[in-house]
N, C-alpha and C. Protein backbone atom coordinates (compact mmCIF):
# COMPACT_ATOMS: atom_id res chain seq x y z
N MET A 1 5.60 -1.12 39.08
CA MET A 1 4.97 -0.50 37.93
C MET A 1 4.03 -1.53 37.29
N ASP A 2 2.81 -1.15 37.08
CA ASP A 2 1.87 -2.08 36.47
C ASP A 2 2.08 -2.17 34.96
N THR A 3 1.43 -3.11 34.34
CA THR A 3 1.62 -3.37 32.91
C THR A 3 1.22 -2.19 32.05
N TYR A 4 0.11 -1.57 32.38
CA TYR A 4 -0.36 -0.43 31.57
C TYR A 4 0.67 0.70 31.57
N SER A 5 1.20 1.02 32.71
CA SER A 5 2.19 2.11 32.79
C SER A 5 3.46 1.76 32.02
N ALA A 6 3.88 0.51 32.09
CA ALA A 6 5.08 0.10 31.37
C ALA A 6 4.87 0.19 29.86
N LEU A 7 3.72 -0.30 29.40
CA LEU A 7 3.44 -0.22 27.97
C LEU A 7 3.24 1.22 27.51
N ARG A 8 2.65 2.04 28.35
CA ARG A 8 2.46 3.44 28.01
C ARG A 8 3.80 4.15 27.92
N HIS A 9 4.70 3.87 28.82
CA HIS A 9 6.03 4.46 28.79
C HIS A 9 6.78 4.03 27.53
N PHE A 10 6.68 2.74 27.17
CA PHE A 10 7.32 2.24 25.96
C PHE A 10 6.75 2.92 24.72
N ALA A 11 5.43 3.05 24.64
CA ALA A 11 4.80 3.67 23.47
C ALA A 11 5.16 5.14 23.36
N ASP A 12 5.28 5.81 24.47
CA ASP A 12 5.62 7.24 24.46
C ASP A 12 7.07 7.48 24.05
N SER A 13 7.94 6.53 24.26
CA SER A 13 9.35 6.77 23.96
C SER A 13 9.79 5.96 22.74
N TRP A 14 10.04 4.68 22.92
CA TRP A 14 10.59 3.86 21.85
C TRP A 14 9.58 3.59 20.74
N GLY A 15 8.32 3.45 21.08
CA GLY A 15 7.30 3.23 20.05
C GLY A 15 7.20 4.40 19.10
N LEU A 16 7.25 5.60 19.65
CA LEU A 16 7.20 6.80 18.81
C LEU A 16 8.44 6.89 17.92
N LEU A 17 9.58 6.56 18.47
CA LEU A 17 10.81 6.58 17.68
C LEU A 17 10.75 5.55 16.55
N LEU A 18 10.28 4.35 16.83
CA LEU A 18 10.18 3.32 15.80
C LEU A 18 9.19 3.72 14.70
N MET A 19 8.06 4.30 15.06
CA MET A 19 7.10 4.74 14.05
C MET A 19 7.67 5.86 13.19
N PHE A 20 8.41 6.77 13.80
CA PHE A 20 9.03 7.86 13.04
C PHE A 20 10.07 7.32 12.07
N LEU A 21 10.90 6.38 12.53
CA LEU A 21 11.90 5.79 11.65
C LEU A 21 11.26 5.00 10.51
N PHE A 22 10.16 4.33 10.78
CA PHE A 22 9.43 3.62 9.72
C PHE A 22 8.90 4.61 8.69
N PHE A 23 8.34 5.73 9.14
CA PHE A 23 7.83 6.75 8.25
C PHE A 23 8.95 7.32 7.37
N VAL A 24 10.08 7.66 7.97
CA VAL A 24 11.21 8.20 7.21
C VAL A 24 11.70 7.15 6.21
N GLY A 25 11.75 5.90 6.61
CA GLY A 25 12.17 4.84 5.71
C GLY A 25 11.24 4.69 4.52
N MET A 26 9.93 4.80 4.74
CA MET A 26 8.97 4.71 3.64
C MET A 26 9.11 5.89 2.69
N VAL A 27 9.33 7.08 3.22
CA VAL A 27 9.52 8.26 2.35
C VAL A 27 10.77 8.10 1.51
N LEU A 28 11.85 7.63 2.11
CA LEU A 28 13.08 7.41 1.36
C LEU A 28 12.90 6.31 0.31
N TRP A 29 12.15 5.28 0.63
CA TRP A 29 11.90 4.18 -0.31
C TRP A 29 11.09 4.68 -1.51
N ILE A 30 10.11 5.53 -1.27
CA ILE A 30 9.27 6.04 -2.36
C ILE A 30 10.06 6.95 -3.27
N PHE A 31 10.90 7.80 -2.71
CA PHE A 31 11.64 8.77 -3.51
C PHE A 31 13.05 8.31 -3.88
N ARG A 32 13.31 7.01 -3.85
CA ARG A 32 14.62 6.52 -4.24
C ARG A 32 14.82 6.73 -5.74
N PRO A 33 16.07 6.84 -6.19
CA PRO A 33 16.34 7.17 -7.59
C PRO A 33 15.77 6.16 -8.60
N GLY A 34 15.74 4.89 -8.32
CA GLY A 34 15.29 3.89 -9.29
C GLY A 34 13.80 3.64 -9.30
N ALA A 35 13.03 4.40 -8.55
CA ALA A 35 11.60 4.12 -8.43
C ALA A 35 10.75 4.80 -9.49
N LYS A 36 11.31 5.69 -10.28
CA LYS A 36 10.50 6.44 -11.25
C LYS A 36 9.81 5.52 -12.25
N ARG A 37 10.50 4.51 -12.73
CA ARG A 37 9.90 3.63 -13.73
C ARG A 37 8.70 2.87 -13.15
N SER A 38 8.82 2.37 -11.93
CA SER A 38 7.71 1.63 -11.34
C SER A 38 6.54 2.55 -11.00
N HIS A 39 6.82 3.79 -10.59
CA HIS A 39 5.74 4.74 -10.32
C HIS A 39 5.03 5.14 -11.61
N ASP A 40 5.79 5.35 -12.69
CA ASP A 40 5.16 5.66 -13.98
C ASP A 40 4.33 4.49 -14.49
N ASP A 41 4.81 3.28 -14.27
CA ASP A 41 4.06 2.10 -14.68
C ASP A 41 2.75 1.99 -13.91
N ALA A 42 2.80 2.21 -12.61
CA ALA A 42 1.58 2.15 -11.80
C ALA A 42 0.61 3.27 -12.15
N ALA A 43 1.14 4.44 -12.51
CA ALA A 43 0.27 5.57 -12.85
C ALA A 43 -0.44 5.35 -14.18
N SER A 44 0.12 4.54 -15.06
CA SER A 44 -0.49 4.34 -16.37
C SER A 44 -1.45 3.16 -16.41
N ILE A 45 -1.66 2.47 -15.32
CA ILE A 45 -2.56 1.32 -15.29
C ILE A 45 -3.97 1.67 -15.74
N PRO A 46 -4.59 2.76 -15.29
CA PRO A 46 -5.96 3.06 -15.73
C PRO A 46 -6.06 3.38 -17.23
N LEU A 47 -4.95 3.76 -17.85
CA LEU A 47 -4.98 4.15 -19.26
C LEU A 47 -4.65 3.01 -20.21
N ARG A 48 -4.30 1.88 -19.71
CA ARG A 48 -3.97 0.74 -20.56
C ARG A 48 -5.23 0.21 -21.22
N ASN A 49 -5.10 -0.32 -22.41
CA ASN A 49 -6.20 -0.88 -23.19
C ASN A 49 -7.30 0.16 -23.40
N ASP A 50 -6.90 1.40 -23.58
CA ASP A 50 -7.88 2.47 -23.76
C ASP A 50 -8.50 2.45 -25.15
N THR A 51 -7.80 1.92 -26.14
CA THR A 51 -8.32 1.93 -27.50
C THR A 51 -9.31 0.81 -27.75
N ALA A 52 -9.21 -0.29 -27.06
CA ALA A 52 -10.13 -1.41 -27.26
C ALA A 52 -10.83 -1.73 -25.95
N PRO A 53 -12.15 -1.71 -25.94
CA PRO A 53 -12.85 -2.05 -24.69
C PRO A 53 -12.70 -3.54 -24.38
N ALA A 54 -12.93 -3.85 -23.17
CA ALA A 54 -12.83 -5.24 -22.74
C ALA A 54 -13.92 -6.06 -23.42
N ALA A 55 -13.61 -7.32 -23.69
CA ALA A 55 -14.59 -8.20 -24.34
C ALA A 55 -15.75 -8.45 -23.38
N PRO A 56 -16.96 -8.47 -23.94
CA PRO A 56 -18.11 -8.72 -23.04
C PRO A 56 -18.05 -10.15 -22.50
N SER A 57 -18.41 -10.28 -21.27
CA SER A 57 -18.38 -11.61 -20.66
C SER A 57 -19.65 -12.36 -21.02
N ALA A 58 -19.56 -13.67 -21.03
CA ALA A 58 -20.71 -14.50 -21.33
C ALA A 58 -21.71 -14.41 -20.19
N PRO A 59 -23.01 -14.44 -20.51
CA PRO A 59 -23.99 -14.38 -19.41
C PRO A 59 -23.87 -15.61 -18.53
N GLU A 60 -24.06 -15.38 -17.25
CA GLU A 60 -23.95 -16.48 -16.29
C GLU A 60 -25.18 -17.37 -16.36
N LYS A 61 -24.94 -18.65 -16.23
CA LYS A 61 -26.05 -19.61 -16.24
C LYS A 61 -26.55 -19.76 -14.80
N PRO A 62 -27.84 -19.89 -14.62
CA PRO A 62 -28.35 -20.09 -13.26
C PRO A 62 -27.88 -21.44 -12.71
N ALA A 63 -27.65 -21.45 -11.42
CA ALA A 63 -27.19 -22.67 -10.75
C ALA A 63 -28.29 -23.72 -10.81
N GLN A 64 -27.90 -24.94 -11.15
CA GLN A 64 -28.87 -26.04 -11.21
C GLN A 64 -28.77 -26.85 -9.93
N LYS A 65 -29.91 -27.33 -9.51
CA LYS A 65 -29.96 -28.11 -8.28
C LYS A 65 -29.96 -29.57 -8.56
């Protein structure tokens, strides 16, 4: 059996199984009971500091040679 066929057989069987288990693990990790607080925190990032705009930055000085 050449290398390509061996790798193709592995990808068709065990590789697919490993990718599926990784996907299921990520779904379970996202929907775990303690994740609500971190998801709410990440969702509110664009709304932080909404009452006060960011301070204007100082104009950049041209590079001197």
